[in-house]
Amino acid sequence: MQITQLEILPAAFQGRVYVYVKLHTDEGIVGIGEAACSGKESALIGALRDMEHCLIGEDPFQIERLWQLIYRTAFWRGGPVLSGALSGIEHALWDIKGKALNAPVYELLGGSYRHQVKAYCWIGGAEPETWARAAVERIEAGWGGLKFTPFDPTGPAFSLAHGKRVEAIVKAVREAVGDEVPIAIDGHGRLNPVNAMEMAKRIEPYGILFFEEPVLPESVDALAELRRTAGVPIAPGERLFTRYPFRECLVKGAVDVVQPDICTCGGIMEAFKIAALADAFFATIAPHNPLSPLSTVICLHLDTVVPNFLIQEVPDGNNPARKLLIDGFEEKPEKGYLKVPRGPGWGVSLNEEYIRTLEERPSYQKPDSFDVDGSILDI
């Protein structure tokens, strides 16, 4: 079997752009994947086209060899654009192999360790009461946990009023859903180390599952210091690419929960390696997933096989329109859990008829997050 074509399907959907990858073979088997570099989709598509020459005529079963060929034969390695493109290609290779062998991908990765996957979704709101209502609605809809970002875009200054408002939101959500529901807080890297420490102390009494990206990942030492002194688990990873920066985080004691994004870290096997590395440091994995239902499915194939899996993110747990993007799977939990599709490959297909009706455009917009003095806010 040989690869004959790489096809790219960008799809603008409700404020995001999903970039789907299709690899065609001379035997008629087509593999699908999802590549991501949010806000830089034009660069991502260019990187995919640059990588095509490494694939044409090659055996799609040689997944590790092709991954290394693309990664190691370029002067510039890693980074969000190249790693995102490589992720989508790697997904499609696994899908081809699974279809050719009539086996789901999770079976090729060692077989299922668990038969269902605990999943959480996002919530939002304005006042604490609206956040609390949204939380109750999602739990009643069957989700197994919640994550939210109560922080406004911030600059260096962090007001006492802002801190109190954040705590009020977290308190309202916890009181609304009770003590058994996992709650994660997403910092989006909006805080500096001092402010992150203050907020960790404020949210600690409410039993937080993890504090995601409390500070930007550029300083592993700052993350490590925060983890040593904070009373909540620290979870970086969505902006880390390949296993190498995760190693530094783990060695320096900067992480409790690793959060690789399966569509940007290098693919499912790279995420599998990151999970194994984390397991050696007694850390868990909760894959980052702000993308389409195809990304969710690929995550589920990983989640079902790794022993140190914690919980799976699903971005919009109250959006029935998402089911239009793929066939064979719906993001509909039962008592907090999702089940992995059991068909060959990923066990799903793209709804190309619908996807091809969507606009092809980059999601990047001119920044508009500025403070009252004109300075730029971290979003």
Protein backbone atom coordinates (compact mmCIF):
# COMPACT_ATOMS: atom_id res chain seq x y z
CA MET A 1 0.00 0.00 0.00
CA GLN A 2 1.21 3.51 -0.84
CA ILE A 3 0.06 7.03 -0.01
CA THR A 4 -1.12 8.85 -3.13
CA GLN A 5 -2.54 12.16 -1.92
CA LEU A 6 -2.83 14.48 1.06
CA GLU A 7 -6.09 16.44 1.16
CA ILE A 8 -6.86 19.34 3.50
CA LEU A 9 -10.38 20.33 4.55
CA PRO A 10 -10.55 23.57 6.57
CA ALA A 11 -13.96 24.28 8.09
CA ALA A 12 -15.00 27.49 9.85
CA PHE A 13 -17.49 26.47 12.51
CA GLN A 14 -19.00 28.76 15.13
CA GLY A 15 -15.95 30.97 15.64
CA ARG A 16 -13.31 28.29 15.19
CA VAL A 17 -11.58 26.78 12.19
CA TYR A 18 -11.11 23.02 12.21
CA VAL A 19 -8.45 21.70 9.83
CA TYR A 20 -9.14 18.13 8.73
CA VAL A 21 -6.51 15.99 7.03
CA LYS A 22 -7.21 13.13 4.63
CA LEU A 23 -4.59 10.70 3.35
CA HIS A 24 -5.52 8.68 0.27
CA THR A 25 -3.91 5.35 -0.69
CA ASP A 26 -3.63 3.33 -3.88
CA GLU A 27 -5.84 0.65 -2.32
CA GLY A 28 -8.72 3.05 -1.77
CA ILE A 29 -8.36 3.28 2.01
CA VAL A 30 -8.57 6.88 3.25
CA GLY A 31 -7.42 7.98 6.68
CA ILE A 32 -8.64 11.09 8.52
CA GLY A 33 -7.10 13.30 11.17
CA GLU A 34 -7.33 16.76 12.70
CA ALA A 35 -4.51 19.29 12.80
CA ALA A 36 -4.60 22.41 14.96
CA CYS A 37 -2.85 25.68 15.58
CA SER A 38 -5.61 27.96 16.78
CA GLY A 39 -5.54 31.38 15.16
CA LYS A 40 -2.76 30.39 12.75
CA GLU A 41 -4.65 28.06 10.42
CA SER A 42 -3.20 29.55 7.23
CA ALA A 43 0.31 28.75 8.47
CA LEU A 44 -0.88 25.29 9.52
CA ILE A 45 -2.27 24.55 6.07
CA GLY A 46 0.99 25.74 4.51
CA ALA A 47 2.96 23.39 6.76
CA LEU A 48 0.74 20.46 5.77
CA ARG A 49 1.37 21.17 2.10
CA ASP A 50 5.12 21.37 2.75
CA MET A 51 5.01 17.93 4.38
CA GLU A 52 3.14 16.21 1.56
CA HIS A 53 6.32 15.38 -0.41
CA CYS A 54 7.52 13.24 2.53
CA LEU A 55 4.40 11.07 2.28
CA ILE A 56 3.65 10.43 -1.40
CA GLY A 57 4.69 6.90 -2.39
CA GLU A 58 5.37 5.85 1.20
CA ASP A 59 3.91 2.91 3.12
CA PRO A 60 1.26 4.31 5.54
CA PHE A 61 1.86 1.41 7.96
CA GLN A 62 5.30 2.82 8.83
CA ILE A 63 3.85 5.43 11.17
CA GLU A 64 6.84 5.96 13.47
CA ARG A 65 9.26 6.08 10.55
CA LEU A 66 7.19 8.68 8.69
CA TRP A 67 6.78 10.74 11.89
CA GLN A 68 10.54 10.74 12.42
CA LEU A 69 11.16 11.45 8.73
CA ILE A 70 9.05 14.60 8.84
CA TYR A 71 10.24 15.71 12.28
CA ARG A 72 13.96 15.00 12.08
CA THR A 73 14.76 15.92 8.48
CA ALA A 74 13.69 19.54 8.94
CA PHE A 75 16.10 22.14 10.31
CA TRP A 76 13.26 23.66 12.37
CA ARG A 77 11.66 21.09 14.65
CA GLY A 78 8.61 21.29 16.86
CA GLY A 79 6.64 24.44 17.63
CA PRO A 80 2.87 24.83 17.33
CA VAL A 81 2.59 25.02 13.53
CA LEU A 82 4.83 22.10 12.58
CA SER A 83 3.69 19.91 15.48
CA GLY A 84 0.05 20.64 14.70
CA ALA A 85 0.48 19.64 11.06
CA LEU A 86 2.40 16.50 12.00
CA SER A 87 -0.39 15.57 14.45
CA GLY A 88 -3.07 15.60 11.75
CA ILE A 89 -0.94 13.50 9.42
CA GLU A 90 -0.15 11.00 12.17
CA HIS A 91 -3.86 10.63 13.00
CA ALA A 92 -4.66 9.82 9.38
CA LEU A 93 -1.90 7.18 9.25
CA TRP A 94 -3.32 5.40 12.30
CA ASP A 95 -6.81 5.53 10.78
CA ILE A 96 -5.52 3.89 7.59
CA LYS A 97 -3.78 1.15 9.54
CA GLY A 98 -6.82 0.44 11.67
CA LYS A 99 -9.11 0.27 8.65
CA ALA A 100 -6.70 -1.99 6.75
CA LEU A 101 -6.44 -4.37 9.72
CA ASN A 102 -10.15 -4.09 10.58
CA ALA A 103 -9.29 -2.99 14.13
CA PRO A 104 -9.93 0.14 16.19
CA VAL A 105 -6.82 2.21 16.88
CA TYR A 106 -7.00 1.60 20.61
CA GLU A 107 -6.51 -2.12 19.97
CA LEU A 108 -3.32 -1.32 18.03
CA LEU A 109 -2.08 0.67 21.04
CA GLY A 110 -2.37 -2.28 23.41
CA GLY A 111 -6.08 -2.72 23.92
CA SER A 112 -8.55 -1.11 26.29
CA TYR A 113 -7.59 -0.56 29.93
CA ARG A 114 -11.07 0.82 30.69
CA HIS A 115 -14.42 0.38 28.94
CA GLN A 116 -15.62 3.98 29.29
CA VAL A 117 -14.06 7.41 29.72
CA LYS A 118 -14.95 10.03 32.32
CA ALA A 119 -15.56 13.38 30.59
CA TYR A 120 -16.11 16.99 31.59
CA CYS A 121 -17.35 20.01 29.66
CA TRP A 122 -17.03 23.79 29.76
CA ILE A 123 -19.34 26.32 31.38
CA GLY A 124 -19.54 30.10 31.28
CA GLY A 125 -21.53 32.88 32.83
CA ALA A 126 -21.67 36.47 33.97
CA GLU A 127 -22.58 36.68 37.64
CA PRO A 128 -21.90 33.82 40.08
CA GLU A 129 -25.54 32.77 39.92
CA THR A 130 -25.45 32.28 36.14
CA TRP A 131 -22.26 30.21 36.38
CA ALA A 132 -23.94 28.05 39.03
CA ARG A 133 -27.05 27.50 36.87
CA ALA A 134 -24.91 26.51 33.89
CA ALA A 135 -23.01 24.06 36.09
CA VAL A 136 -26.18 22.34 37.28
CA GLU A 137 -27.51 22.11 33.71
CA ARG A 138 -24.35 20.36 32.47
CA ILE A 139 -24.25 17.88 35.32
CA GLU A 140 -27.94 17.10 34.85
CA ALA A 141 -27.17 16.52 31.15
CA GLY A 142 -24.83 13.71 32.18
CA TRP A 143 -21.37 15.27 32.21
CA GLY A 144 -18.89 13.94 34.74
CA GLY A 145 -17.21 17.22 35.62
CA LEU A 146 -16.76 20.90 34.77
CA LYS A 147 -14.06 23.34 33.74
CA PHE A 148 -14.25 27.09 33.47
CA THR A 149 -12.18 30.25 33.23
CA PRO A 150 -13.41 32.77 35.81
CA PHE A 151 -10.55 35.19 35.10
CA ASP A 152 -10.87 38.25 32.92
CA PRO A 153 -8.04 39.06 30.46
CA THR A 154 -5.33 40.56 32.67
CA GLY A 155 -2.24 42.69 32.61
CA PRO A 156 0.44 42.92 35.32
CA ALA A 157 -2.02 44.43 37.82
CA PHE A 158 -4.57 42.13 39.46
CA SER A 159 -7.15 43.88 41.59
CA LEU A 160 -8.51 42.67 44.90
CA ALA A 161 -12.01 43.03 43.44
CA HIS A 162 -11.11 40.68 40.58
CA GLY A 163 -9.77 38.10 43.03
CA LYS A 164 -12.91 38.24 45.15
CA ARG A 165 -15.11 37.91 42.05
CA VAL A 166 -13.21 34.82 40.91
CA GLU A 167 -13.58 33.22 44.33
CA ALA A 168 -17.29 34.03 44.41
CA ILE A 169 -17.80 32.27 41.06
CA VAL A 170 -15.89 29.16 42.14
CA LYS A 171 -17.75 29.07 45.46
CA ALA A 172 -21.14 29.40 43.75
CA VAL A 173 -20.39 26.56 41.32
CA ARG A 174 -19.13 24.25 44.05
CA GLU A 175 -22.16 24.88 46.25
CA ALA A 176 -24.49 24.32 43.27
CA VAL A 177 -23.10 20.92 42.20
CA GLY A 178 -21.98 19.53 45.56
CA ASP A 179 -18.71 18.02 46.69
CA GLU A 180 -18.62 14.94 44.42
CA VAL A 181 -18.41 16.72 41.05
CA PRO A 182 -14.86 17.35 39.75
CA ILE A 183 -14.21 21.05 39.06
CA ALA A 184 -11.17 22.31 37.14
CA ILE A 185 -10.12 25.94 36.82
CA ASP A 186 -8.44 27.23 33.65
CA GLY A 187 -6.04 30.14 34.09
CA HIS A 188 -5.33 30.48 30.34
CA GLY A 189 -1.88 31.68 31.35
CA ARG A 190 -3.38 35.02 32.30
CA LEU A 191 -1.68 35.33 35.70
CA ASN A 192 1.83 36.09 36.78
CA PRO A 193 3.36 33.83 39.49
CA VAL A 194 2.41 36.12 42.39
CA ASN A 195 -1.20 36.48 41.27
CA ALA A 196 -1.42 32.77 40.46
CA MET A 197 -0.34 31.96 44.02
CA GLU A 198 -2.99 34.28 45.45
CA MET A 199 -5.68 32.68 43.31
CA ALA A 200 -4.53 29.15 44.17
CA LYS A 201 -5.04 29.99 47.84
CA ARG A 202 -8.49 31.44 47.12
CA ILE A 203 -9.74 28.39 45.21
CA GLU A 204 -8.06 25.72 47.35
CA PRO A 205 -10.98 25.36 49.82
CA TYR A 206 -13.32 24.34 47.00
CA GLY A 207 -11.68 21.03 46.13
CA ILE A 208 -10.25 21.83 42.70
CA LEU A 209 -9.39 18.89 40.44
CA PHE A 210 -6.60 20.89 38.80
CA PHE A 211 -5.52 24.47 38.05
CA GLU A 212 -4.83 24.57 34.31
CA GLU A 213 -2.15 26.89 32.94
CA PRO A 214 -2.08 29.25 35.92
CA VAL A 215 0.93 30.93 34.31
CA LEU A 216 2.34 30.77 30.79
CA PRO A 217 4.55 27.75 30.08
CA GLU A 218 7.61 29.80 29.15
CA SER A 219 8.90 29.55 32.73
CA VAL A 220 8.96 26.00 34.03
CA ASP A 221 10.67 27.26 37.18
CA ALA A 222 7.69 29.51 37.95
CA LEU A 223 5.34 26.53 37.52
CA ALA A 224 7.54 24.42 39.77
CA GLU A 225 7.58 27.06 42.51
CA LEU A 226 3.80 27.43 42.25
CA ARG A 227 3.32 23.68 42.54
CA ARG A 228 5.54 23.51 45.64
CA THR A 229 3.53 26.14 47.47
CA ALA A 230 0.00 25.90 46.04
CA GLY A 231 -2.59 23.62 47.56
CA VAL A 232 -4.12 22.62 44.23
CA PRO A 233 -2.82 20.30 41.47
CA ILE A 234 -1.09 22.13 38.61
CA ALA A 235 -1.88 21.17 34.99
CA PRO A 236 0.19 22.63 32.13
CA GLY A 237 0.62 21.17 28.66
CA GLU A 238 -1.76 22.53 26.05
CA ARG A 239 0.98 24.81 24.68
CA LEU A 240 3.77 22.24 24.87
CA PHE A 241 4.77 20.28 21.78
CA THR A 242 6.28 16.77 21.65
CA ARG A 243 7.43 14.91 24.76
CA TYR A 244 10.61 16.90 25.33
CA PRO A 245 9.23 19.97 27.19
CA PHE A 246 6.99 17.67 29.24
CA ARG A 247 10.13 15.92 30.43
CA GLU A 248 11.50 19.21 31.78
CA CYS A 249 8.22 19.95 33.58
CA LEU A 250 8.19 16.52 35.19
CA VAL A 251 11.87 16.49 36.17
CA LYS A 252 11.57 19.94 37.76
CA GLY A 253 8.44 18.97 39.68
CA ALA A 254 6.25 21.49 37.87
CA VAL A 255 3.22 19.35 37.07
CA ASP A 256 0.61 17.09 38.63
CA VAL A 257 -1.55 16.60 35.52
CA VAL A 258 -0.12 16.71 31.99
CA GLN A 259 -2.42 18.11 29.32
CA PRO A 260 -1.06 17.45 25.84
CA ASP A 261 -3.33 18.48 23.00
CA ILE A 262 -3.58 15.48 20.70
CA CYS A 263 -3.94 17.74 17.63
CA THR A 264 -0.86 19.84 18.37
CA CYS A 265 1.57 17.75 20.48
CA GLY A 266 2.56 15.42 17.63
CA GLY A 267 -0.33 12.97 17.49
CA ILE A 268 -1.76 10.07 19.46
CA MET A 269 1.49 8.11 19.76
CA GLU A 270 3.33 11.19 21.00
CA ALA A 271 0.56 11.73 23.57
CA PHE A 272 0.90 8.03 24.50
CA LYS A 273 4.64 8.58 25.11
CA ILE A 274 3.89 11.70 27.18
CA ALA A 275 1.43 9.71 29.28
CA ALA A 276 4.02 6.98 29.88
CA LEU A 277 6.62 9.59 30.83
CA ALA A 278 4.16 11.22 33.24
CA ASP A 279 3.33 7.85 34.78
CA ALA A 280 6.97 7.40 35.73
CA PHE A 281 6.63 10.59 37.82
CA PHE A 282 3.26 9.56 39.30
CA ALA A 283 1.48 12.26 37.28
CA THR A 284 -1.83 11.77 35.50
CA ILE A 285 -2.97 12.81 32.02
CA ALA A 286 -6.06 14.81 31.07
CA PRO A 287 -5.81 15.50 27.32
CA HIS A 288 -6.56 19.05 26.24
CA ASN A 289 -9.35 19.23 23.66
CA PRO A 290 -10.93 22.50 22.50
CA LEU A 291 -11.49 21.21 18.96
CA SER A 292 -14.00 19.24 16.89
CA PRO A 293 -15.71 15.92 17.69
CA LEU A 294 -13.05 14.11 15.65
CA SER A 295 -10.45 15.34 18.13
CA THR A 296 -12.68 14.05 20.93
CA VAL A 297 -12.83 10.61 19.32
CA ILE A 298 -9.04 10.44 18.88
CA CYS A 299 -8.61 11.43 22.53
CA LEU A 300 -10.97 8.64 23.59
CA HIS A 301 -8.80 6.07 21.80
CA LEU A 302 -5.86 7.31 23.90
CA ASP A 303 -7.83 7.58 27.13
CA THR A 304 -9.06 4.03 26.99
CA VAL A 305 -5.54 2.55 26.90
CA VAL A 306 -3.35 4.63 29.26
CA PRO A 307 -3.41 3.58 32.94
CA ASN A 308 -2.80 7.08 34.36
CA PHE A 309 -5.71 8.77 32.58
CA LEU A 310 -7.66 11.22 34.76
CA ILE A 311 -10.51 12.84 32.81
CA GLN A 312 -11.29 13.98 29.25
CA GLU A 313 -12.17 17.50 28.13
CA VAL A 314 -15.04 18.06 25.69
CA PRO A 315 -15.35 21.72 24.73
CA ASP A 316 -19.02 22.49 24.28
CA GLY A 317 -21.25 20.09 26.10
CA ASN A 318 -24.44 21.91 25.16
CA ASN A 319 -24.09 22.30 21.39
CA PRO A 320 -26.04 19.77 19.31
CA ALA A 321 -24.72 21.31 16.06
CA ARG A 322 -21.32 19.69 16.66
CA LYS A 323 -22.74 16.28 15.72
CA LEU A 324 -23.08 17.53 12.12
CA LEU A 325 -19.30 17.40 11.66
CA ILE A 326 -18.78 13.64 11.93
CA ASP A 327 -20.80 10.46 11.51
CA GLY A 328 -20.65 7.52 13.90
CA PHE A 329 -20.25 9.33 17.21
CA GLU A 330 -22.07 11.86 19.35
CA GLU A 331 -20.65 13.72 22.36
CA LYS A 332 -23.46 12.58 24.62
CA PRO A 333 -22.33 11.26 28.02
CA GLU A 334 -24.11 8.71 30.17
CA LYS A 335 -23.69 9.21 33.91
CA GLY A 336 -20.47 11.15 33.37
CA TYR A 337 -18.85 8.84 30.81
CA LEU A 338 -18.31 8.56 27.05
CA LYS A 339 -17.65 5.35 25.13
CA VAL A 340 -14.97 5.02 22.47
CA PRO A 341 -16.19 4.06 18.97
CA ARG A 342 -15.34 0.44 18.23
CA GLY A 343 -15.25 0.42 14.43
CA PRO A 344 -12.03 0.09 12.38
CA GLY A 345 -9.59 2.98 12.66
CA TRP A 346 -11.18 5.84 14.55
CA GLY A 347 -14.59 4.24 14.00
CA VAL A 348 -16.05 7.46 12.57
CA SER A 349 -16.15 9.37 9.30
CA LEU A 350 -16.24 13.03 8.36
CA ASN A 351 -19.55 14.46 7.22
CA GLU A 352 -17.92 15.94 4.13
CA GLU A 353 -21.16 17.02 2.55
CA TYR A 354 -21.73 19.36 5.50
CA ILE A 355 -18.08 20.31 6.02
CA ARG A 356 -17.67 21.41 2.40
CA THR A 357 -20.52 23.89 2.86
CA LEU A 358 -18.59 25.69 5.61
CA GLU A 359 -16.54 28.76 4.88
CA GLU A 360 -12.78 28.36 4.47
CA ARG A 361 -11.15 31.18 6.39
CA PRO A 362 -8.58 31.65 9.15
CA SER A 363 -9.95 32.29 12.63
CA TYR A 364 -7.32 34.92 13.43
CA GLN A 365 -8.80 38.33 14.11
CA LYS A 366 -7.03 41.58 14.87
CA PRO A 367 -6.47 41.68 18.65
CA ASP A 368 -8.86 43.83 20.65
CA SER A 369 -7.86 42.96 24.23
CA PHE A 370 -6.45 46.20 25.56
CA ASP A 371 -6.41 47.78 29.00
CA VAL A 372 -7.78 51.28 29.59
CA ASP A 373 -4.24 52.68 29.16
CA GLY A 374 -3.84 50.98 25.77
CA SER A 375 -1.53 48.19 26.97
CA ILE A 376 -2.05 44.64 25.76
CA LEU A 377 -3.90 42.14 27.94
CA ASP A 378 -3.14 38.40 28.06
CA ILE A 379 -6.20 36.56 26.80
